Amino acid sequence: PDLNAFDLADRLAMTGTEVERVETHGVSGLEHFVVGKVLDARQHPD
């Protein structure tokens, strides 16, 4: 199905199939998750 898990659950509910919950592992929206390079790491002053 060309749907994410949450849209698929909504579509199933419209057919009369009860979907109690959608469980995910990890994060579902990746747009704010990136790989970064630590340029500098210093002790917090406080």
ModelCIF file with pLDDT and N, C-alpha, C, O atoms, coordinates in Angstrom:
data_MODEL
#
_entry.id   MODEL 
#
_entity.id                         1 
_entity.type                       polymer 
_entity.pdbx_number_of_molecules   1 
#
_entity_poly.entity_id                      1 
_entity_poly.type                           'polypeptide(L)' 
_entity_poly.nstd_linkage                   no 
_entity_poly.nstd_monomer                   no 
_entity_poly.pdbx_seq_one_letter_code       PDLNAFDLADRLAMTGTEVERVETHGVSGLEHFVVGKVLDARQHPD 
_entity_poly.pdbx_seq_one_letter_code_can   PDLNAFDLADRLAMTGTEVERVETHGVSGLEHFVVGKVLDARQHPD 
_entity_poly.pdbx_strand_id                 A 
#
loop_
_entity_poly_seq.entity_id 
_entity_poly_seq.num 
_entity_poly_seq.mon_id 
_entity_poly_seq.hetero 
1 1  PRO n 
1 2  ASP n 
1 3  LEU n 
1 4  ASN n 
1 5  ALA n 
1 6  PHE n 
1 7  ASP n 
1 8  LEU n 
1 9  ALA n 
1 10 ASP n 
1 11 ARG n 
1 12 LEU n 
1 13 ALA n 
1 14 MET n 
1 15 THR n 
1 16 GLY n 
1 17 THR n 
1 18 GLU n 
1 19 VAL n 
1 20 GLU n 
1 21 ARG n 
1 22 VAL n 
1 23 GLU n 
1 24 THR n 
1 25 HIS n 
1 26 GLY n 
1 27 VAL n 
1 28 SER n 
1 29 GLY n 
1 30 LEU n 
1 31 GLU n 
1 32 HIS n 
1 33 PHE n 
1 34 VAL n 
1 35 VAL n 
1 36 GLY n 
1 37 LYS n 
1 38 VAL n 
1 39 LEU n 
1 40 ASP n 
1 41 ALA n 
1 42 ARG n 
1 43 GLN n 
1 44 HIS n 
1 45 PRO n 
1 46 ASP n 
#
_struct_asym.id          A 
_struct_asym.entity_id   1 
#
loop_
_ma_qa_metric.id 
_ma_qa_metric.mode 
_ma_qa_metric.name 
_ma_qa_metric.software_group_id 
_ma_qa_metric.type 
1 global pLDDT . pLDDT 
2 local  pLDDT . pLDDT 
#
_ma_qa_metric_global.metric_id      1 
_ma_qa_metric_global.metric_value   86.35 
_ma_qa_metric_global.model_id       1 
_ma_qa_metric_global.ordinal_id     1 
#
loop_
_ma_qa_metric_local.label_asym_id 
_ma_qa_metric_local.label_comp_id 
_ma_qa_metric_local.label_seq_id 
_ma_qa_metric_local.metric_id 
_ma_qa_metric_local.metric_value 
_ma_qa_metric_local.model_id 
_ma_qa_metric_local.ordinal_id 
A PRO 1  2 81.00 1 1  
A ASP 2  2 83.00 1 2  
A LEU 3  2 83.00 1 3  
A ASN 4  2 79.00 1 4  
A ALA 5  2 81.00 1 5  
A PHE 6  2 83.00 1 6  
A ASP 7  2 87.00 1 7  
A LEU 8  2 87.00 1 8  
A ALA 9  2 87.00 1 9  
A ASP 10 2 90.00 1 10 
A ARG 11 2 90.00 1 11 
A LEU 12 2 88.00 1 12 
A ALA 13 2 91.00 1 13 
A MET 14 2 93.00 1 14 
A THR 15 2 94.00 1 15 
A GLY 16 2 92.00 1 16 
A THR 17 2 87.00 1 17 
A GLU 18 2 87.00 1 18 
A VAL 19 2 87.00 1 19 
A GLU 20 2 85.00 1 20 
A ARG 21 2 83.00 1 21 
A VAL 22 2 81.00 1 22 
A GLU 23 2 75.00 1 23 
A THR 24 2 70.00 1 24 
A HIS 25 2 66.00 1 25 
A GLY 26 2 65.00 1 26 
A VAL 27 2 71.00 1 27 
A SER 28 2 67.00 1 28 
A GLY 29 2 73.00 1 29 
A LEU 30 2 81.00 1 30 
A GLU 31 2 85.00 1 31 
A HIS 32 2 90.00 1 32 
A PHE 33 2 91.00 1 33 
A VAL 34 2 93.00 1 34 
A VAL 35 2 92.00 1 35 
A GLY 36 2 95.00 1 36 
A LYS 37 2 96.00 1 37 
A VAL 38 2 96.00 1 38 
A LEU 39 2 97.00 1 39 
A ASP 40 2 97.00 1 40 
A ALA 41 2 96.00 1 41 
A ARG 42 2 96.00 1 42 
A GLN 43 2 96.00 1 43 
A HIS 44 2 96.00 1 44 
A PRO 45 2 95.00 1 45 
A ASP 46 2 94.00 1 46 
#
loop_
_atom_site.group_PDB 
_atom_site.id 
_atom_site.type_symbol 
_atom_site.label_atom_id 
_atom_site.label_alt_id 
_atom_site.label_comp_id 
_atom_site.label_asym_id 
_atom_site.label_entity_id 
_atom_site.label_seq_id 
_atom_site.pdbx_PDB_ins_code 
_atom_site.Cartn_x 
_atom_site.Cartn_y 
_atom_site.Cartn_z 
_atom_site.occupancy 
_atom_site.B_iso_or_equiv 
_atom_site.pdbx_formal_charge 
_atom_site.auth_seq_id 
_atom_site.auth_comp_id 
_atom_site.auth_asym_id 
_atom_site.auth_atom_id 
_atom_site.pdbx_PDB_model_num 
ATOM 1   N N  . PRO A 1 1  ? 0.848   -1.197 0.000  1.00 81.00 ? 1  PRO A N  1 
ATOM 2   C CA . PRO A 1 1  ? 0.000   0.000  0.000  1.00 81.00 ? 1  PRO A CA 1 
ATOM 3   C C  . PRO A 1 1  ? 0.884   1.249  0.000  1.00 81.00 ? 1  PRO A C  1 
ATOM 4   O O  . PRO A 1 1  ? 1.884   1.316  0.716  1.00 81.00 ? 1  PRO A O  1 
ATOM 5   N N  . ASP A 1 2  ? 0.511   2.207  -0.791 1.00 83.00 ? 2  ASP A N  1 
ATOM 6   C CA . ASP A 1 2  ? 1.290   3.441  -0.891 1.00 83.00 ? 2  ASP A CA 1 
ATOM 7   C C  . ASP A 1 2  ? 0.861   4.408  0.214  1.00 83.00 ? 2  ASP A C  1 
ATOM 8   O O  . ASP A 1 2  ? 0.530   5.564  -0.049 1.00 83.00 ? 2  ASP A O  1 
ATOM 9   N N  . LEU A 1 3  ? 0.872   3.913  1.451  1.00 83.00 ? 3  LEU A N  1 
ATOM 10  C CA . LEU A 1 3  ? 0.434   4.684  2.603  1.00 83.00 ? 3  LEU A CA 1 
ATOM 11  C C  . LEU A 1 3  ? 1.383   4.437  3.763  1.00 83.00 ? 3  LEU A C  1 
ATOM 12  O O  . LEU A 1 3  ? 1.946   3.351  3.903  1.00 83.00 ? 3  LEU A O  1 
ATOM 13  N N  . ASN A 1 4  ? 1.552   5.464  4.596  1.00 79.00 ? 4  ASN A N  1 
ATOM 14  C CA . ASN A 1 4  ? 2.319   5.209  5.819  1.00 79.00 ? 4  ASN A CA 1 
ATOM 15  C C  . ASN A 1 4  ? 1.415   4.471  6.799  1.00 79.00 ? 4  ASN A C  1 
ATOM 16  O O  . ASN A 1 4  ? 0.215   4.338  6.556  1.00 79.00 ? 4  ASN A O  1 
ATOM 17  N N  . ALA A 1 5  ? 1.978   3.994  7.895  1.00 81.00 ? 5  ALA A N  1 
ATOM 18  C CA . ALA A 1 5  ? 1.233   3.143  8.834  1.00 81.00 ? 5  ALA A CA 1 
ATOM 19  C C  . ALA A 1 5  ? 0.007   3.852  9.405  1.00 81.00 ? 5  ALA A C  1 
ATOM 20  O O  . ALA A 1 5  ? -1.027  3.214  9.600  1.00 81.00 ? 5  ALA A O  1 
ATOM 21  N N  . PHE A 1 6  ? 0.097   5.140  9.673  1.00 83.00 ? 6  PHE A N  1 
ATOM 22  C CA . PHE A 1 6  ? -1.017  5.866  10.268 1.00 83.00 ? 6  PHE A CA 1 
ATOM 23  C C  . PHE A 1 6  ? -2.151  6.070  9.260  1.00 83.00 ? 6  PHE A C  1 
ATOM 24  O O  . PHE A 1 6  ? -3.323  5.944  9.614  1.00 83.00 ? 6  PHE A O  1 
ATOM 25  N N  . ASP A 1 7  ? -1.807  6.385  8.003  1.00 87.00 ? 7  ASP A N  1 
ATOM 26  C CA . ASP A 1 7  ? -2.838  6.527  6.964  1.00 87.00 ? 7  ASP A CA 1 
ATOM 27  C C  . ASP A 1 7  ? -3.485  5.181  6.661  1.00 87.00 ? 7  ASP A C  1 
ATOM 28  O O  . ASP A 1 7  ? -4.687  5.108  6.407  1.00 87.00 ? 7  ASP A O  1 
ATOM 29  N N  . LEU A 1 8  ? -2.685  4.117  6.690  1.00 87.00 ? 8  LEU A N  1 
ATOM 30  C CA . LEU A 1 8  ? -3.229  2.780  6.471  1.00 87.00 ? 8  LEU A CA 1 
ATOM 31  C C  . LEU A 1 8  ? -4.216  2.417  7.585  1.00 87.00 ? 8  LEU A C  1 
ATOM 32  O O  . LEU A 1 8  ? -5.263  1.826  7.320  1.00 87.00 ? 8  LEU A O  1 
ATOM 33  N N  . ALA A 1 9  ? -3.887  2.766  8.815  1.00 87.00 ? 9  ALA A N  1 
ATOM 34  C CA . ALA A 1 9  ? -4.798  2.503  9.939  1.00 87.00 ? 9  ALA A CA 1 
ATOM 35  C C  . ALA A 1 9  ? -6.113  3.251  9.742  1.00 87.00 ? 9  ALA A C  1 
ATOM 36  O O  . ALA A 1 9  ? -7.182  2.700  10.003 1.00 87.00 ? 9  ALA A O  1 
ATOM 37  N N  . ASP A 1 10 ? -6.047  4.502  9.284  1.00 90.00 ? 10 ASP A N  1 
ATOM 38  C CA . ASP A 1 10 ? -7.272  5.263  9.008  1.00 90.00 ? 10 ASP A CA 1 
ATOM 39  C C  . ASP A 1 10 ? -8.093  4.598  7.908  1.00 90.00 ? 10 ASP A C  1 
ATOM 40  O O  . ASP A 1 10 ? -9.314  4.495  8.022  1.00 90.00 ? 10 ASP A O  1 
ATOM 41  N N  . ARG A 1 11 ? -7.434  4.148  6.848  1.00 90.00 ? 11 ARG A N  1 
ATOM 42  C CA . ARG A 1 11 ? -8.129  3.497  5.742  1.00 90.00 ? 11 ARG A CA 1 
ATOM 43  C C  . ARG A 1 11 ? -8.776  2.196  6.199  1.00 90.00 ? 11 ARG A C  1 
ATOM 44  O O  . ARG A 1 11 ? -9.907  1.900  5.814  1.00 90.00 ? 11 ARG A O  1 
ATOM 45  N N  . LEU A 1 12 ? -8.071  1.416  7.019  1.00 88.00 ? 12 LEU A N  1 
ATOM 46  C CA . LEU A 1 12 ? -8.645  0.180  7.555  1.00 88.00 ? 12 LEU A CA 1 
ATOM 47  C C  . LEU A 1 12 ? -9.868  0.474  8.426  1.00 88.00 ? 12 LEU A C  1 
ATOM 48  O O  . LEU A 1 12 ? -10.866 -0.244 8.373  1.00 88.00 ? 12 LEU A O  1 
ATOM 49  N N  . ALA A 1 13 ? -9.777  1.535  9.226  1.00 91.00 ? 13 ALA A N  1 
ATOM 50  C CA . ALA A 1 13 ? -10.911 1.911  10.074 1.00 91.00 ? 13 ALA A CA 1 
ATOM 51  C C  . ALA A 1 13 ? -12.132 2.264  9.233  1.00 91.00 ? 13 ALA A C  1 
ATOM 52  O O  . ALA A 1 13 ? -13.259 1.971  9.633  1.00 91.00 ? 13 ALA A O  1 
ATOM 53  N N  . MET A 1 14 ? -11.926 2.892  8.071  1.00 93.00 ? 14 MET A N  1 
ATOM 54  C CA . MET A 1 14 ? -13.053 3.239  7.190  1.00 93.00 ? 14 MET A CA 1 
ATOM 55  C C  . MET A 1 14 ? -13.724 1.995  6.607  1.00 93.00 ? 14 MET A C  1 
ATOM 56  O O  . MET A 1 14 ? -14.883 2.058  6.197  1.00 93.00 ? 14 MET A O  1 
ATOM 57  N N  . THR A 1 15 ? -13.007 0.861  6.565  1.00 94.00 ? 15 THR A N  1 
ATOM 58  C CA . THR A 1 15 ? -13.597 -0.378 6.048  1.00 94.00 ? 15 THR A CA 1 
ATOM 59  C C  . THR A 1 15 ? -14.308 -1.172 7.145  1.00 94.00 ? 15 THR A C  1 
ATOM 60  O O  . THR A 1 15 ? -14.895 -2.223 6.887  1.00 94.00 ? 15 THR A O  1 
ATOM 61  N N  . GLY A 1 16 ? -14.244 -0.654 8.371  1.00 92.00 ? 16 GLY A N  1 
ATOM 62  C CA . GLY A 1 16 ? -14.868 -1.359 9.485  1.00 92.00 ? 16 GLY A CA 1 
ATOM 63  C C  . GLY A 1 16 ? -13.907 -2.221 10.270 1.00 92.00 ? 16 GLY A C  1 
ATOM 64  O O  . GLY A 1 16 ? -14.307 -2.874 11.234 1.00 92.00 ? 16 GLY A O  1 
ATOM 65  N N  . THR A 1 17 ? -12.647 -2.236 9.876  1.00 87.00 ? 17 THR A N  1 
ATOM 66  C CA . THR A 1 17 ? -11.627 -2.986 10.604 1.00 87.00 ? 17 THR A CA 1 
ATOM 67  C C  . THR A 1 17 ? -11.110 -2.104 11.731 1.00 87.00 ? 17 THR A C  1 
ATOM 68  O O  . THR A 1 17 ? -10.540 -1.040 11.487 1.00 87.00 ? 17 THR A O  1 
ATOM 69  N N  . GLU A 1 18 ? -11.311 -2.547 12.955 1.00 87.00 ? 18 GLU A N  1 
ATOM 70  C CA . GLU A 1 18 ? -10.897 -1.735 14.097 1.00 87.00 ? 18 GLU A CA 1 
ATOM 71  C C  . GLU A 1 18 ? -9.380  -1.781 14.260 1.00 87.00 ? 18 GLU A C  1 
ATOM 72  O O  . GLU A 1 18 ? -8.785  -2.857 14.317 1.00 87.00 ? 18 GLU A O  1 
ATOM 73  N N  . VAL A 1 19 ? -8.769  -0.617 14.334 1.00 87.00 ? 19 VAL A N  1 
ATOM 74  C CA . VAL A 1 19 ? -7.338  -0.494 14.611 1.00 87.00 ? 19 VAL A CA 1 
ATOM 75  C C  . VAL A 1 19 ? -7.230  0.239  15.942 1.00 87.00 ? 19 VAL A C  1 
ATOM 76  O O  . VAL A 1 19 ? -7.515  1.433  16.043 1.00 87.00 ? 19 VAL A O  1 
ATOM 77  N N  . GLU A 1 20 ? -6.811  -0.507 16.956 1.00 85.00 ? 20 GLU A N  1 
ATOM 78  C CA . GLU A 1 20 ? -6.744  0.067  18.298 1.00 85.00 ? 20 GLU A CA 1 
ATOM 79  C C  . GLU A 1 20 ? -5.592  1.057  18.426 1.00 85.00 ? 20 GLU A C  1 
ATOM 80  O O  . GLU A 1 20 ? -5.739  2.125  19.020 1.00 85.00 ? 20 GLU A O  1 
ATOM 81  N N  . ARG A 1 21 ? -4.443  0.688  17.859 1.00 83.00 ? 21 ARG A N  1 
ATOM 82  C CA . ARG A 1 21 ? -3.286  1.593  17.926 1.00 83.00 ? 21 ARG A CA 1 
ATOM 83  C C  . ARG A 1 21 ? -2.246  1.160  16.898 1.00 83.00 ? 21 ARG A C  1 
ATOM 84  O O  . ARG A 1 21 ? -2.246  0.029  16.413 1.00 83.00 ? 21 ARG A O  1 
ATOM 85  N N  . VAL A 1 22 ? -1.366  2.097  16.590 1.00 81.00 ? 22 VAL A N  1 
ATOM 86  C CA . VAL A 1 22 ? -0.228  1.829  15.718 1.00 81.00 ? 22 VAL A CA 1 
ATOM 87  C C  . VAL A 1 22 ? 1.013   1.978  16.580 1.00 81.00 ? 22 VAL A C  1 
ATOM 88  O O  . VAL A 1 22 ? 1.234   3.030  17.179 1.00 81.00 ? 22 VAL A O  1 
ATOM 89  N N  . GLU A 1 23 ? 1.815   0.939  16.645 1.00 75.00 ? 23 GLU A N  1 
ATOM 90  C CA . GLU A 1 23 ? 3.054   0.982  17.415 1.00 75.00 ? 23 GLU A CA 1 
ATOM 91  C C  . GLU A 1 23 ? 4.210   1.168  16.449 1.00 75.00 ? 23 GLU A C  1 
ATOM 92  O O  . GLU A 1 23 ? 4.267   0.527  15.400 1.00 75.00 ? 23 GLU A O  1 
ATOM 93  N N  . THR A 1 24 ? 5.113   2.036  16.806 1.00 70.00 ? 24 THR A N  1 
ATOM 94  C CA . THR A 1 24 ? 6.283   2.256  15.956 1.00 70.00 ? 24 THR A CA 1 
ATOM 95  C C  . THR A 1 24 ? 7.547   2.017  16.767 1.00 70.00 ? 24 THR A C  1 
ATOM 96  O O  . THR A 1 24 ? 7.543   2.103  17.995 1.00 70.00 ? 24 THR A O  1 
ATOM 97  N N  . HIS A 1 25 ? 8.597   1.723  16.077 1.00 66.00 ? 25 HIS A N  1 
ATOM 98  C CA . HIS A 1 25 ? 9.924   1.618  16.685 1.00 66.00 ? 25 HIS A CA 1 
ATOM 99  C C  . HIS A 1 25 ? 10.755  2.721  16.078 1.00 66.00 ? 25 HIS A C  1 
ATOM 100 O O  . HIS A 1 25 ? 10.761  2.899  14.860 1.00 66.00 ? 25 HIS A O  1 
ATOM 101 N N  . GLY A 1 26 ? 11.450  3.455  16.905 1.00 65.00 ? 26 GLY A N  1 
ATOM 102 C CA . GLY A 1 26 ? 12.234  4.565  16.390 1.00 65.00 ? 26 GLY A CA 1 
ATOM 103 C C  . GLY A 1 26 ? 11.342  5.763  16.122 1.00 65.00 ? 26 GLY A C  1 
ATOM 104 O O  . GLY A 1 26 ? 10.268  5.899  16.708 1.00 65.00 ? 26 GLY A O  1 
ATOM 105 N N  . VAL A 1 27 ? 11.790  6.611  15.247 1.00 71.00 ? 27 VAL A N  1 
ATOM 106 C CA . VAL A 1 27 ? 11.055  7.828  14.917 1.00 71.00 ? 27 VAL A CA 1 
ATOM 107 C C  . VAL A 1 27 ? 10.338  7.636  13.595 1.00 71.00 ? 27 VAL A C  1 
ATOM 108 O O  . VAL A 1 27 ? 10.776  6.853  12.753 1.00 71.00 ? 27 VAL A O  1 
ATOM 109 N N  . SER A 1 28 ? 9.233   8.353  13.411 1.00 67.00 ? 28 SER A N  1 
ATOM 110 C CA . SER A 1 28 ? 8.474   8.172  12.180 1.00 67.00 ? 28 SER A CA 1 
ATOM 111 C C  . SER A 1 28 ? 8.723   9.291  11.171 1.00 67.00 ? 28 SER A C  1 
ATOM 112 O O  . SER A 1 28 ? 8.656   9.032  9.970  1.00 67.00 ? 28 SER A O  1 
ATOM 113 N N  . GLY A 1 29 ? 8.999   10.491 11.590 1.00 73.00 ? 29 GLY A N  1 
ATOM 114 C CA . GLY A 1 29 ? 9.288   11.592 10.674 1.00 73.00 ? 29 GLY A CA 1 
ATOM 115 C C  . GLY A 1 29 ? 10.759  11.937 10.732 1.00 73.00 ? 29 GLY A C  1 
ATOM 116 O O  . GLY A 1 29 ? 11.255  12.368 11.773 1.00 73.00 ? 29 GLY A O  1 
ATOM 117 N N  . LEU A 1 30 ? 11.460  11.754 9.637  1.00 81.00 ? 30 LEU A N  1 
ATOM 118 C CA . LEU A 1 30 ? 12.920  11.888 9.666  1.00 81.00 ? 30 LEU A CA 1 
ATOM 119 C C  . LEU A 1 30 ? 13.448  13.262 9.271  1.00 81.00 ? 30 LEU A C  1 
ATOM 120 O O  . LEU A 1 30 ? 14.659  13.478 9.308  1.00 81.00 ? 30 LEU A O  1 
ATOM 121 N N  . GLU A 1 31 ? 12.584  14.192 8.897  1.00 85.00 ? 31 GLU A N  1 
ATOM 122 C CA . GLU A 1 31 ? 13.072  15.458 8.364  1.00 85.00 ? 31 GLU A CA 1 
ATOM 123 C C  . GLU A 1 31 ? 13.931  16.274 9.319  1.00 85.00 ? 31 GLU A C  1 
ATOM 124 O O  . GLU A 1 31 ? 14.703  17.118 8.864  1.00 85.00 ? 31 GLU A O  1 
ATOM 125 N N  . HIS A 1 32 ? 13.828  16.054 10.624 1.00 90.00 ? 32 HIS A N  1 
ATOM 126 C CA . HIS A 1 32 ? 14.632  16.815 11.592 1.00 90.00 ? 32 HIS A CA 1 
ATOM 127 C C  . HIS A 1 32 ? 15.729  15.970 12.241 1.00 90.00 ? 32 HIS A C  1 
ATOM 128 O O  . HIS A 1 32 ? 16.359  16.402 13.206 1.00 90.00 ? 32 HIS A O  1 
ATOM 129 N N  . PHE A 1 33 ? 15.956  14.770 11.714 1.00 91.00 ? 33 PHE A N  1 
ATOM 130 C CA . PHE A 1 33 ? 17.004  13.901 12.230 1.00 91.00 ? 33 PHE A CA 1 
ATOM 131 C C  . PHE A 1 33 ? 18.122  13.840 11.206 1.00 91.00 ? 33 PHE A C  1 
ATOM 132 O O  . PHE A 1 33 ? 17.883  13.508 10.045 1.00 91.00 ? 33 PHE A O  1 
ATOM 133 N N  . VAL A 1 34 ? 19.346  14.159 11.627 1.00 93.00 ? 34 VAL A N  1 
ATOM 134 C CA . VAL A 1 34 ? 20.485  14.218 10.707 1.00 93.00 ? 34 VAL A CA 1 
ATOM 135 C C  . VAL A 1 34 ? 21.712  13.580 11.352 1.00 93.00 ? 34 VAL A C  1 
ATOM 136 O O  . VAL A 1 34 ? 21.719  13.272 12.544 1.00 93.00 ? 34 VAL A O  1 
ATOM 137 N N  . VAL A 1 35 ? 22.727  13.392 10.553 1.00 92.00 ? 35 VAL A N  1 
ATOM 138 C CA . VAL A 1 35 ? 24.031  12.972 11.050 1.00 92.00 ? 35 VAL A CA 1 
ATOM 139 C C  . VAL A 1 35 ? 24.896  14.216 11.098 1.00 92.00 ? 35 VAL A C  1 
ATOM 140 O O  . VAL A 1 35 ? 24.948  14.981 10.135 1.00 92.00 ? 35 VAL A O  1 
ATOM 141 N N  . GLY A 1 36 ? 25.568  14.418 12.210 1.00 95.00 ? 36 GLY A N  1 
ATOM 142 C CA . GLY A 1 36 ? 26.404  15.603 12.378 1.00 95.00 ? 36 GLY A CA 1 
ATOM 143 C C  . GLY A 1 36 ? 27.818  15.241 12.785 1.00 95.00 ? 36 GLY A C  1 
ATOM 144 O O  . GLY A 1 36 ? 28.104  14.112 13.183 1.00 95.00 ? 36 GLY A O  1 
ATOM 145 N N  . LYS A 1 37 ? 28.688  16.222 12.675 1.00 96.00 ? 37 LYS A N  1 
ATOM 146 C CA . LYS A 1 37 ? 30.096  16.065 13.055 1.00 96.00 ? 37 LYS A CA 1 
ATOM 147 C C  . LYS A 1 37 ? 30.373  17.012 14.215 1.00 96.00 ? 37 LYS A C  1 
ATOM 148 O O  . LYS A 1 37 ? 30.145  18.216 14.104 1.00 96.00 ? 37 LYS A O  1 
ATOM 149 N N  . VAL A 1 38 ? 30.864  16.470 15.329 1.00 96.00 ? 38 VAL A N  1 
ATOM 150 C CA . VAL A 1 38 ? 31.188  17.297 16.497 1.00 96.00 ? 38 VAL A CA 1 
ATOM 151 C C  . VAL A 1 38 ? 32.494  18.033 16.195 1.00 96.00 ? 38 VAL A C  1 
ATOM 152 O O  . VAL A 1 38 ? 33.563  17.427 16.114 1.00 96.00 ? 38 VAL A O  1 
ATOM 153 N N  . LEU A 1 39 ? 32.383  19.350 16.033 1.00 97.00 ? 39 LEU A N  1 
ATOM 154 C CA . LEU A 1 39 ? 33.551  20.175 15.735 1.00 97.00 ? 39 LEU A CA 1 
ATOM 155 C C  . LEU A 1 39 ? 34.318  20.546 16.999 1.00 97.00 ? 39 LEU A C  1 
ATOM 156 O O  . LEU A 1 39 ? 35.536  20.721 16.973 1.00 97.00 ? 39 LEU A O  1 
ATOM 157 N N  . ASP A 1 40 ? 33.582  20.662 18.107 1.00 97.00 ? 40 ASP A N  1 
ATOM 158 C CA . ASP A 1 40 ? 34.194  21.045 19.373 1.00 97.00 ? 40 ASP A CA 1 
ATOM 159 C C  . ASP A 1 40 ? 33.289  20.593 20.507 1.00 97.00 ? 40 ASP A C  1 
ATOM 160 O O  . ASP A 1 40 ? 32.070  20.751 20.430 1.00 97.00 ? 40 ASP A O  1 
ATOM 161 N N  . ALA A 1 41 ? 33.869  20.038 21.549 1.00 96.00 ? 41 ALA A N  1 
ATOM 162 C CA . ALA A 1 41 ? 33.120  19.618 22.732 1.00 96.00 ? 41 ALA A CA 1 
ATOM 163 C C  . ALA A 1 41 ? 33.875  20.093 23.962 1.00 96.00 ? 41 ALA A C  1 
ATOM 164 O O  . ALA A 1 41 ? 34.986  19.640 24.239 1.00 96.00 ? 41 ALA A O  1 
ATOM 165 N N  . ARG A 1 42 ? 33.263  21.004 24.689 1.00 96.00 ? 42 ARG A N  1 
ATOM 166 C CA . ARG A 1 42 ? 33.905  21.571 25.882 1.00 96.00 ? 42 ARG A CA 1 
ATOM 167 C C  . ARG A 1 42 ? 33.021  21.378 27.109 1.00 96.00 ? 42 ARG A C  1 
ATOM 168 O O  . ARG A 1 42 ? 31.803  21.237 27.002 1.00 96.00 ? 42 ARG A O  1 
ATOM 169 N N  . GLN A 1 43 ? 33.648  21.375 28.252 1.00 96.00 ? 43 GLN A N  1 
ATOM 170 C CA . GLN A 1 43 ? 32.928  21.272 29.520 1.00 96.00 ? 43 GLN A CA 1 
ATOM 171 C C  . GLN A 1 43 ? 31.980  22.460 29.668 1.00 96.00 ? 43 GLN A C  1 
ATOM 172 O O  . GLN A 1 43 ? 32.374  23.594 29.399 1.00 96.00 ? 43 GLN A O  1 
ATOM 173 N N  . HIS A 1 44 ? 30.754  22.222 30.086 1.00 96.00 ? 44 HIS A N  1 
ATOM 174 C CA . HIS A 1 44 ? 29.787  23.285 30.362 1.00 96.00 ? 44 HIS A CA 1 
ATOM 175 C C  . HIS A 1 44 ? 30.325  24.108 31.525 1.00 96.00 ? 44 HIS A C  1 
ATOM 176 O O  . HIS A 1 44 ? 30.794  23.538 32.509 1.00 96.00 ? 44 HIS A O  1 
ATOM 177 N N  . PRO A 1 45 ? 30.269  25.436 31.436 1.00 95.00 ? 45 PRO A N  1 
ATOM 178 C CA . PRO A 1 45 ? 30.848  26.251 32.510 1.00 95.00 ? 45 PRO A CA 1 
ATOM 179 C C  . PRO A 1 45 ? 30.118  26.142 33.847 1.00 95.00 ? 45 PRO A C  1 
ATOM 180 O O  . PRO A 1 45 ? 30.704  26.425 34.893 1.00 95.00 ? 45 PRO A O  1 
ATOM 181 N N  . ASP A 1 46 ? 28.835  25.731 33.827 1.00 94.00 ? 46 ASP A N  1 
ATOM 182 C CA . ASP A 1 46 ? 28.055  25.694 35.061 1.00 94.00 ? 46 ASP A CA 1 
ATOM 183 C C  . ASP A 1 46 ? 27.475  24.324 35.396 1.00 94.00 ? 46 ASP A C  1 
ATOM 184 O O  . ASP A 1 46 ? 26.799  24.172 36.414 1.00 94.00 ? 46 ASP A O  1 
#
